[in-house]
Amino acid sequence: MENVTELTHPLIQHKISRLRDKNTGTNEFRALVEEIAMLMGYEALKDLPLEEIEVETPIETCMTPVIAGRKLAIVPILRAGLGMVSGIQRLVPTAKVGHIGLYRDEVTHEPHEYYCKLPDPIEERLIVVTDPMLATGGSAVAAVDFIKQHGGKKIKFMSIIAAPVGIERLMKAHPDVQLYVGHIDRCLNENAYICPGLGDAGDRIFGTK
């Protein structure tokens, strides 16, 4: 698909393998998610617009590029998406952060919104939505729906692991969104978990069960 980028960098793939290991503890898991998000962000943000400003170096005055406009909004899908925010902020410390809270119906696996707070004015920003897992695609589609309803226009979605059905659902609903994925896994099981996956990302990031 045109707007889907699977990031094959060896460092990303190595760190994802560490995430998959059931013996990787909470502290290491959390650090790995942050590191992967930073590596993915380096690639996803390569088209940020630039403008020239005048800077005085120790030698002379020159024109040199800086990120232009209202810059960036990072919008994690609560709660697992929070784990990716700090990695992107290390690349762009001036980025504003919004939050979208969704919970998944245990029977239908469909998402329901319980919280949405976005930086203002959202329509002028590049928006990066984060969620480590893109499984059924329901939460991703709902999150992008909410952002567009609030006026968001330029949206990128970052997911560490994705299932083909989730990618297809997101791209069908929002073909204008640029999707960046660390690895495309095989399928979903009967409980809508990604296989081989890495378990419940939220539980593993925050040490809950």
C-alpha atoms as a PDB file:
ATOM      1  CA  MET A   1       0.000   0.000   0.000  1.00  0.00           C
ATOM      2  CA  GLU A   2       1.239   3.432  -0.963  1.00  0.00           C
ATOM      3  CA  ASN A   3       1.057   5.088   2.472  1.00  0.00           C
ATOM      4  CA  VAL A   4       2.372   2.114   4.492  1.00  0.00           C
ATOM      5  CA  THR A   5       6.069   2.030   5.407  1.00  0.00           C
ATOM      6  CA  GLU A   6       7.537  -1.008   7.170  1.00  0.00           C
ATOM      7  CA  LEU A   7      10.790   0.059   8.800  1.00  0.00           C
ATOM      8  CA  THR A   8      13.420  -2.621   8.225  1.00  0.00           C
ATOM      9  CA  HIS A   9      16.376  -0.938   9.967  1.00  0.00           C
ATOM     10  CA  PRO A  10      18.456  -3.582  11.799  1.00  0.00           C
ATOM     11  CA  LEU A  11      18.350  -1.663  15.106  1.00  0.00           C
ATOM     12  CA  ILE A  12      14.548  -1.509  15.018  1.00  0.00           C
ATOM     13  CA  GLN A  13      14.251  -5.197  14.160  1.00  0.00           C
ATOM     14  CA  HIS A  14      16.721  -6.197  16.897  1.00  0.00           C
ATOM     15  CA  LYS A  15      14.856  -4.195  19.551  1.00  0.00           C
ATOM     16  CA  ILE A  16      11.478  -5.589  18.442  1.00  0.00           C
ATOM     17  CA  SER A  17      12.865  -9.104  18.941  1.00  0.00           C
ATOM     18  CA  ARG A  18      13.745  -8.135  22.519  1.00  0.00           C
ATOM     19  CA  LEU A  19      10.170  -6.856  22.990  1.00  0.00           C
ATOM     20  CA  ARG A  20       8.737 -10.176  21.825  1.00  0.00           C
ATOM     21  CA  ASP A  21      10.658 -12.206  24.427  1.00  0.00           C
ATOM     22  CA  LYS A  22       8.310 -13.043  27.313  1.00  0.00           C
ATOM     23  CA  ASN A  23      11.294 -12.878  29.686  1.00  0.00           C
ATOM     24  CA  THR A  24      11.961  -9.189  28.948  1.00  0.00           C
ATOM     25  CA  GLY A  25      11.004  -7.332  32.129  1.00  0.00           C
ATOM     26  CA  THR A  26       9.011  -4.130  32.546  1.00  0.00           C
ATOM     27  CA  ASN A  27      11.954  -1.715  32.799  1.00  0.00           C
ATOM     28  CA  GLU A  28      13.724  -3.063  29.722  1.00  0.00           C
ATOM     29  CA  PHE A  29      10.443  -3.337  27.791  1.00  0.00           C
ATOM     30  CA  ARG A  30       9.590   0.306  28.523  1.00  0.00           C
ATOM     31  CA  ALA A  31      13.070   1.464  27.499  1.00  0.00           C
ATOM     32  CA  LEU A  32      12.930  -0.548  24.279  1.00  0.00           C
ATOM     33  CA  VAL A  33       9.548   0.939  23.307  1.00  0.00           C
ATOM     34  CA  GLU A  34      10.985   4.425  23.821  1.00  0.00           C
ATOM     35  CA  GLU A  35      14.095   3.613  21.769  1.00  0.00           C
ATOM     36  CA  ILE A  36      12.079   2.071  18.930  1.00  0.00           C
ATOM     37  CA  ALA A  37       9.757   5.086  18.862  1.00  0.00           C
ATOM     38  CA  MET A  38      12.759   7.407  18.542  1.00  0.00           C
ATOM     39  CA  LEU A  39      14.233   5.347  15.687  1.00  0.00           C
ATOM     40  CA  MET A  40      10.857   5.200  13.943  1.00  0.00           C
ATOM     41  CA  GLY A  41      10.348   8.916  14.500  1.00  0.00           C
ATOM     42  CA  TYR A  42      13.647   9.693  12.769  1.00  0.00           C
ATOM     43  CA  GLU A  43      12.217   8.089   9.618  1.00  0.00           C
ATOM     44  CA  ALA A  44       8.617   9.270   9.978  1.00  0.00           C
ATOM     45  CA  LEU A  45       9.602  12.923  10.439  1.00  0.00           C
ATOM     46  CA  LYS A  46      11.994  13.147   7.486  1.00  0.00           C
ATOM     47  CA  ASP A  47       9.539  15.386   5.593  1.00  0.00           C
ATOM     48  CA  LEU A  48       9.066  18.025   8.308  1.00  0.00           C
ATOM     49  CA  PRO A  49       8.977  21.458   6.623  1.00  0.00           C
ATOM     50  CA  LEU A  50      11.954  23.753   7.147  1.00  0.00           C
ATOM     51  CA  GLU A  51      12.484  27.489   7.031  1.00  0.00           C
ATOM     52  CA  GLU A  52      15.675  29.558   7.052  1.00  0.00           C
ATOM     53  CA  ILE A  53      16.605  31.751  10.004  1.00  0.00           C
ATOM     54  CA  GLU A  54      19.597  33.967  10.669  1.00  0.00           C
ATOM     55  CA  VAL A  55      22.079  32.649  13.249  1.00  0.00           C
ATOM     56  CA  GLU A  56      25.338  34.122  14.471  1.00  0.00           C
ATOM     57  CA  THR A  57      28.026  31.435  14.749  1.00  0.00           C
ATOM     58  CA  PRO A  58      31.385  32.057  16.504  1.00  0.00           C
ATOM     59  CA  ILE A  59      32.748  32.784  13.023  1.00  0.00           C
ATOM     60  CA  GLU A  60      30.038  34.715  11.133  1.00  0.00           C
ATOM     61  CA  THR A  61      26.313  35.261  10.593  1.00  0.00           C
ATOM     62  CA  CYS A  62      24.556  32.759   8.345  1.00  0.00           C
ATOM     63  CA  MET A  63      21.135  31.570   7.220  1.00  0.00           C
ATOM     64  CA  THR A  64      20.376  28.064   8.471  1.00  0.00           C
ATOM     65  CA  PRO A  65      17.288  25.782   8.522  1.00  0.00           C
ATOM     66  CA  VAL A  66      14.902  25.130  11.434  1.00  0.00           C
ATOM     67  CA  ILE A  67      11.583  23.283  11.611  1.00  0.00           C
ATOM     68  CA  ALA A  68       8.859  25.568  10.266  1.00  0.00           C
ATOM     69  CA  GLY A  69       5.333  26.398  11.333  1.00  0.00           C
ATOM     70  CA  ARG A  70       3.366  25.145  14.348  1.00  0.00           C
ATOM     71  CA  LYS A  71       5.524  22.059  14.456  1.00  0.00           C
ATOM     72  CA  LEU A  72       4.362  18.779  15.900  1.00  0.00           C
ATOM     73  CA  ALA A  73       1.584  17.239  17.959  1.00  0.00           C
ATOM     74  CA  ILE A  74       2.083  13.753  19.408  1.00  0.00           C
ATOM     75  CA  VAL A  75      -1.200  12.017  20.221  1.00  0.00           C
ATOM     76  CA  PRO A  76      -0.857   8.667  22.008  1.00  0.00           C
ATOM     77  CA  ILE A  77      -3.809   6.293  22.203  1.00  0.00           C
ATOM     78  CA  LEU A  78      -4.105   5.585  25.920  1.00  0.00           C
ATOM     79  CA  ARG A  79      -2.632   3.831  27.554  1.00  0.00           C
ATOM     80  CA  ALA A  80       0.007   1.865  25.633  1.00  0.00           C
ATOM     81  CA  GLY A  81       0.651   4.728  23.209  1.00  0.00           C
ATOM     82  CA  LEU A  82       2.112   6.741  26.103  1.00  0.00           C
ATOM     83  CA  GLY A  83       5.180   4.511  26.021  1.00  0.00           C
ATOM     84  CA  MET A  84       6.197   5.898  22.618  1.00  0.00           C
ATOM     85  CA  VAL A  85       5.824   9.616  23.410  1.00  0.00           C
ATOM     86  CA  SER A  86       9.131  10.260  25.189  1.00  0.00           C
ATOM     87  CA  GLY A  87      11.127   8.725  22.324  1.00  0.00           C
ATOM     88  CA  ILE A  88       9.628  11.160  19.813  1.00  0.00           C
ATOM     89  CA  GLN A  89       9.951  14.074  22.251  1.00  0.00           C
ATOM     90  CA  ARG A  90      13.686  13.405  22.444  1.00  0.00           C
ATOM     91  CA  LEU A  91      13.806  14.178  18.712  1.00  0.00           C
ATOM     92  CA  VAL A  92      11.411  17.161  18.874  1.00  0.00           C
ATOM     93  CA  PRO A  93      11.328  18.557  22.447  1.00  0.00           C
ATOM     94  CA  THR A  94       8.966  21.388  21.408  1.00  0.00           C
ATOM     95  CA  ALA A  95       6.228  18.941  20.343  1.00  0.00           C
ATOM     96  CA  LYS A  96       2.856  19.344  22.040  1.00  0.00           C
ATOM     97  CA  VAL A  97       1.138  16.231  23.401  1.00  0.00           C
ATOM     98  CA  GLY A  98      -2.569  15.371  23.220  1.00  0.00           C
ATOM     99  CA  HIS A  99      -4.313  12.219  24.433  1.00  0.00           C
ATOM    100  CA  ILE A 100      -7.056   9.936  23.131  1.00  0.00           C
ATOM    101  CA  GLY A 101      -8.567   7.419  25.541  1.00  0.00           C
ATOM    102  CA  LEU A 102     -10.232   4.335  24.076  1.00  0.00           C
ATOM    103  CA  TYR A 103     -11.322   1.091  25.661  1.00  0.00           C
ATOM    104  CA  ARG A 104     -12.049  -2.101  23.766  1.00  0.00           C
ATOM    105  CA  ASP A 105     -15.320  -3.982  24.214  1.00  0.00           C
ATOM    106  CA  GLU A 106     -14.311  -7.464  25.376  1.00  0.00           C
ATOM    107  CA  VAL A 107     -17.020  -9.131  23.274  1.00  0.00           C
ATOM    108  CA  THR A 108     -17.092  -7.133  20.023  1.00  0.00           C
ATOM    109  CA  HIS A 109     -13.451  -5.885  20.247  1.00  0.00           C
ATOM    110  CA  GLU A 110     -14.733  -2.498  19.032  1.00  0.00           C
ATOM    111  CA  PRO A 111     -13.334   0.743  20.566  1.00  0.00           C
ATOM    112  CA  HIS A 112     -15.239   3.282  22.653  1.00  0.00           C
ATOM    113  CA  GLU A 113     -13.949   6.786  23.436  1.00  0.00           C
ATOM    114  CA  TYR A 114     -13.671   7.970  27.022  1.00  0.00           C
ATOM    115  CA  TYR A 115     -11.234  10.906  26.629  1.00  0.00           C
ATOM    116  CA  CYS A 116      -9.998  13.211  23.873  1.00  0.00           C
ATOM    117  CA  LYS A 117      -7.800  16.276  24.459  1.00  0.00           C
ATOM    118  CA  LEU A 118      -5.774  17.719  21.579  1.00  0.00           C
ATOM    119  CA  PRO A 119      -3.318  20.640  21.318  1.00  0.00           C
ATOM    120  CA  ASP A 120      -4.860  23.830  19.920  1.00  0.00           C
ATOM    121  CA  PRO A 121      -4.857  24.772  17.079  1.00  0.00           C
ATOM    122  CA  ILE A 122      -4.699  21.152  15.936  1.00  0.00           C
ATOM    123  CA  GLU A 123      -5.468  21.939  12.281  1.00  0.00           C
ATOM    124  CA  GLU A 124      -2.106  23.707  11.847  1.00  0.00           C
ATOM    125  CA  ARG A 125       0.039  20.866  13.193  1.00  0.00           C
ATOM    126  CA  LEU A 126       1.547  17.672  11.886  1.00  0.00           C
ATOM    127  CA  ILE A 127      -0.047  15.013  14.113  1.00  0.00           C
ATOM    128  CA  VAL A 128       1.730  11.784  15.012  1.00  0.00           C
ATOM    129  CA  VAL A 129      -0.598   9.187  16.564  1.00  0.00           C
ATOM    130  CA  THR A 130       1.159   6.469  18.561  1.00  0.00           C
ATOM    131  CA  ASP A 131       0.013   2.979  19.533  1.00  0.00           C
ATOM    132  CA  PRO A 132       2.496   0.091  19.829  1.00  0.00           C
ATOM    133  CA  MET A 133      -0.028  -2.421  18.494  1.00  0.00           C
ATOM    134  CA  LEU A 134      -2.225  -2.119  15.384  1.00  0.00           C
ATOM    135  CA  ALA A 135      -4.408  -5.225  15.718  1.00  0.00           C
ATOM    136  CA  THR A 136      -7.996  -5.064  14.413  1.00  0.00           C
ATOM    137  CA  GLY A 137      -7.538  -1.434  13.397  1.00  0.00           C
ATOM    138  CA  GLY A 138     -10.657  -0.380  15.278  1.00  0.00           C
ATOM    139  CA  SER A 139      -8.888   1.887  17.773  1.00  0.00           C
ATOM    140  CA  ALA A 140      -6.666   3.398  15.075  1.00  0.00           C
ATOM    141  CA  VAL A 141      -9.638   4.259  12.849  1.00  0.00           C
ATOM    142  CA  ALA A 142     -11.576   5.698  15.791  1.00  0.00           C
ATOM    143  CA  ALA A 143      -8.603   7.813  16.928  1.00  0.00           C
ATOM    144  CA  VAL A 144      -8.081   9.278  13.457  1.00  0.00           C
ATOM    145  CA  ASP A 145     -11.851   9.898  13.209  1.00  0.00           C
ATOM    146  CA  PHE A 146     -11.743  11.947  16.430  1.00  0.00           C
ATOM    147  CA  ILE A 147      -8.691  13.932  15.307  1.00  0.00           C
ATOM    148  CA  LYS A 148     -10.287  14.788  11.963  1.00  0.00           C
ATOM    149  CA  GLN A 149     -13.537  15.767  13.710  1.00  0.00           C
ATOM    150  CA  HIS A 150     -11.482  18.252  15.762  1.00  0.00           C
ATOM    151  CA  GLY A 151      -9.919  19.700  12.606  1.00  0.00           C
ATOM    152  CA  GLY A 152      -6.700  17.681  12.273  1.00  0.00           C
ATOM    153  CA  LYS A 153      -5.555  17.316   8.673  1.00  0.00           C
ATOM    154  CA  LYS A 154      -1.997  16.016   8.326  1.00  0.00           C
ATOM    155  CA  ILE A 155      -1.785  12.750  10.273  1.00  0.00           C
ATOM    156  CA  LYS A 156       0.899  10.098  10.616  1.00  0.00           C
ATOM    157  CA  PHE A 157       0.353   6.878  12.582  1.00  0.00           C
ATOM    158  CA  MET A 158       3.209   4.991  14.257  1.00  0.00           C
ATOM    159  CA  SER A 159       2.853   1.379  15.389  1.00  0.00           C
ATOM    160  CA  ILE A 160       5.607  -1.009  16.443  1.00  0.00           C
ATOM    161  CA  ILE A 161       3.729  -4.205  15.510  1.00  0.00           C
ATOM    162  CA  ALA A 162       0.796  -4.475  13.088  1.00  0.00           C
ATOM    163  CA  ALA A 163      -1.485  -7.187  11.746  1.00  0.00           C
ATOM    164  CA  PRO A 164      -2.414  -7.144   8.042  1.00  0.00           C
ATOM    165  CA  VAL A 165      -6.146  -6.826   8.830  1.00  0.00           C
ATOM    166  CA  GLY A 166      -5.503  -3.741  10.978  1.00  0.00           C
ATOM    167  CA  ILE A 167      -3.394  -2.087   8.292  1.00  0.00           C
ATOM    168  CA  GLU A 168      -6.059  -2.768   5.672  1.00  0.00           C
ATOM    169  CA  ARG A 169      -8.849  -1.393   7.871  1.00  0.00           C
ATOM    170  CA  LEU A 170      -6.967   1.816   8.712  1.00  0.00           C
ATOM    171  CA  MET A 171      -5.918   2.456   5.118  1.00  0.00           C
ATOM    172  CA  LYS A 172      -9.428   1.792   3.794  1.00  0.00           C
ATOM    173  CA  ALA A 173     -10.983   4.229   6.277  1.00  0.00           C
ATOM    174  CA  HIS A 174      -8.212   6.851   6.073  1.00  0.00           C
ATOM    175  CA  PRO A 175      -6.137   6.451   2.891  1.00  0.00           C
ATOM    176  CA  ASP A 176      -4.561   9.890   3.468  1.00  0.00           C
ATOM    177  CA  VAL A 177      -2.850   8.810   6.717  1.00  0.00           C
ATOM    178  CA  GLN A 178       0.825   7.834   6.509  1.00  0.00           C
ATOM    179  CA  LEU A 179       1.403   4.626   8.476  1.00  0.00           C
ATOM    180  CA  TYR A 180       4.825   3.663   9.853  1.00  0.00           C
ATOM    181  CA  VAL A 181       5.179   0.105  11.181  1.00  0.00           C
ATOM    182  CA  GLY A 182       8.134  -1.614  12.827  1.00  0.00           C
ATOM    183  CA  HIS A 183       7.032  -5.090  11.752  1.00  0.00           C
ATOM    184  CA  ILE A 184       3.986  -6.558   9.990  1.00  0.00           C
ATOM    185  CA  ASP A 185       3.068  -9.769  11.812  1.00  0.00           C
ATOM    186  CA  ARG A 186       1.205 -12.814  10.532  1.00  0.00           C
ATOM    187  CA  CYS A 187      -2.392 -12.556  11.783  1.00  0.00           C
ATOM    188  CA  LEU A 188      -4.779 -12.110  14.717  1.00  0.00           C
ATOM    189  CA  ASN A 189      -5.908 -14.992  16.919  1.00  0.00           C
ATOM    190  CA  GLU A 190      -9.501 -15.619  18.100  1.00  0.00           C
ATOM    191  CA  ASN A 191      -9.020 -13.082  20.907  1.00  0.00           C
ATOM    192  CA  ALA A 192      -7.845 -10.393  18.465  1.00  0.00           C
ATOM    193  CA  TYR A 193      -4.239 -10.572  19.695  1.00  0.00           C
ATOM    194  CA  ILE A 194      -1.457 -10.197  17.138  1.00  0.00           C
ATOM    195  CA  CYS A 195       0.497 -13.391  16.343  1.00  0.00           C
ATOM    196  CA  PRO A 196       3.352 -13.876  17.049  1.00  0.00           C
ATOM    197  CA  GLY A 197       3.081 -10.405  18.610  1.00  0.00           C
ATOM    198  CA  LEU A 198       4.424  -9.496  22.034  1.00  0.00           C
ATOM    199  CA  GLY A 199       1.426  -9.881  24.345  1.00  0.00           C
ATOM    200  CA  ASP A 200      -0.425  -6.913  25.846  1.00  0.00           C
ATOM    201  CA  ALA A 201       1.800  -3.864  25.282  1.00  0.00           C
ATOM    202  CA  GLY A 202       0.057  -1.787  27.967  1.00  0.00           C
ATOM    203  CA  ASP A 203       0.482  -4.465  30.619  1.00  0.00           C
ATOM    204  CA  ARG A 204       4.135  -4.961  29.709  1.00  0.00           C
ATOM    205  CA  ILE A 205       4.932  -1.215  29.645  1.00  0.00           C
ATOM    206  CA  PHE A 206       3.226  -0.455  32.944  1.00  0.00           C
ATOM    207  CA  GLY A 207       3.796  -3.751  34.763  1.00  0.00           C
ATOM    208  CA  THR A 208       0.095  -4.610  35.153  1.00  0.00           C
ATOM    209  CA  LYS A 209      -1.877  -7.757  34.459  1.00  0.00           C
END
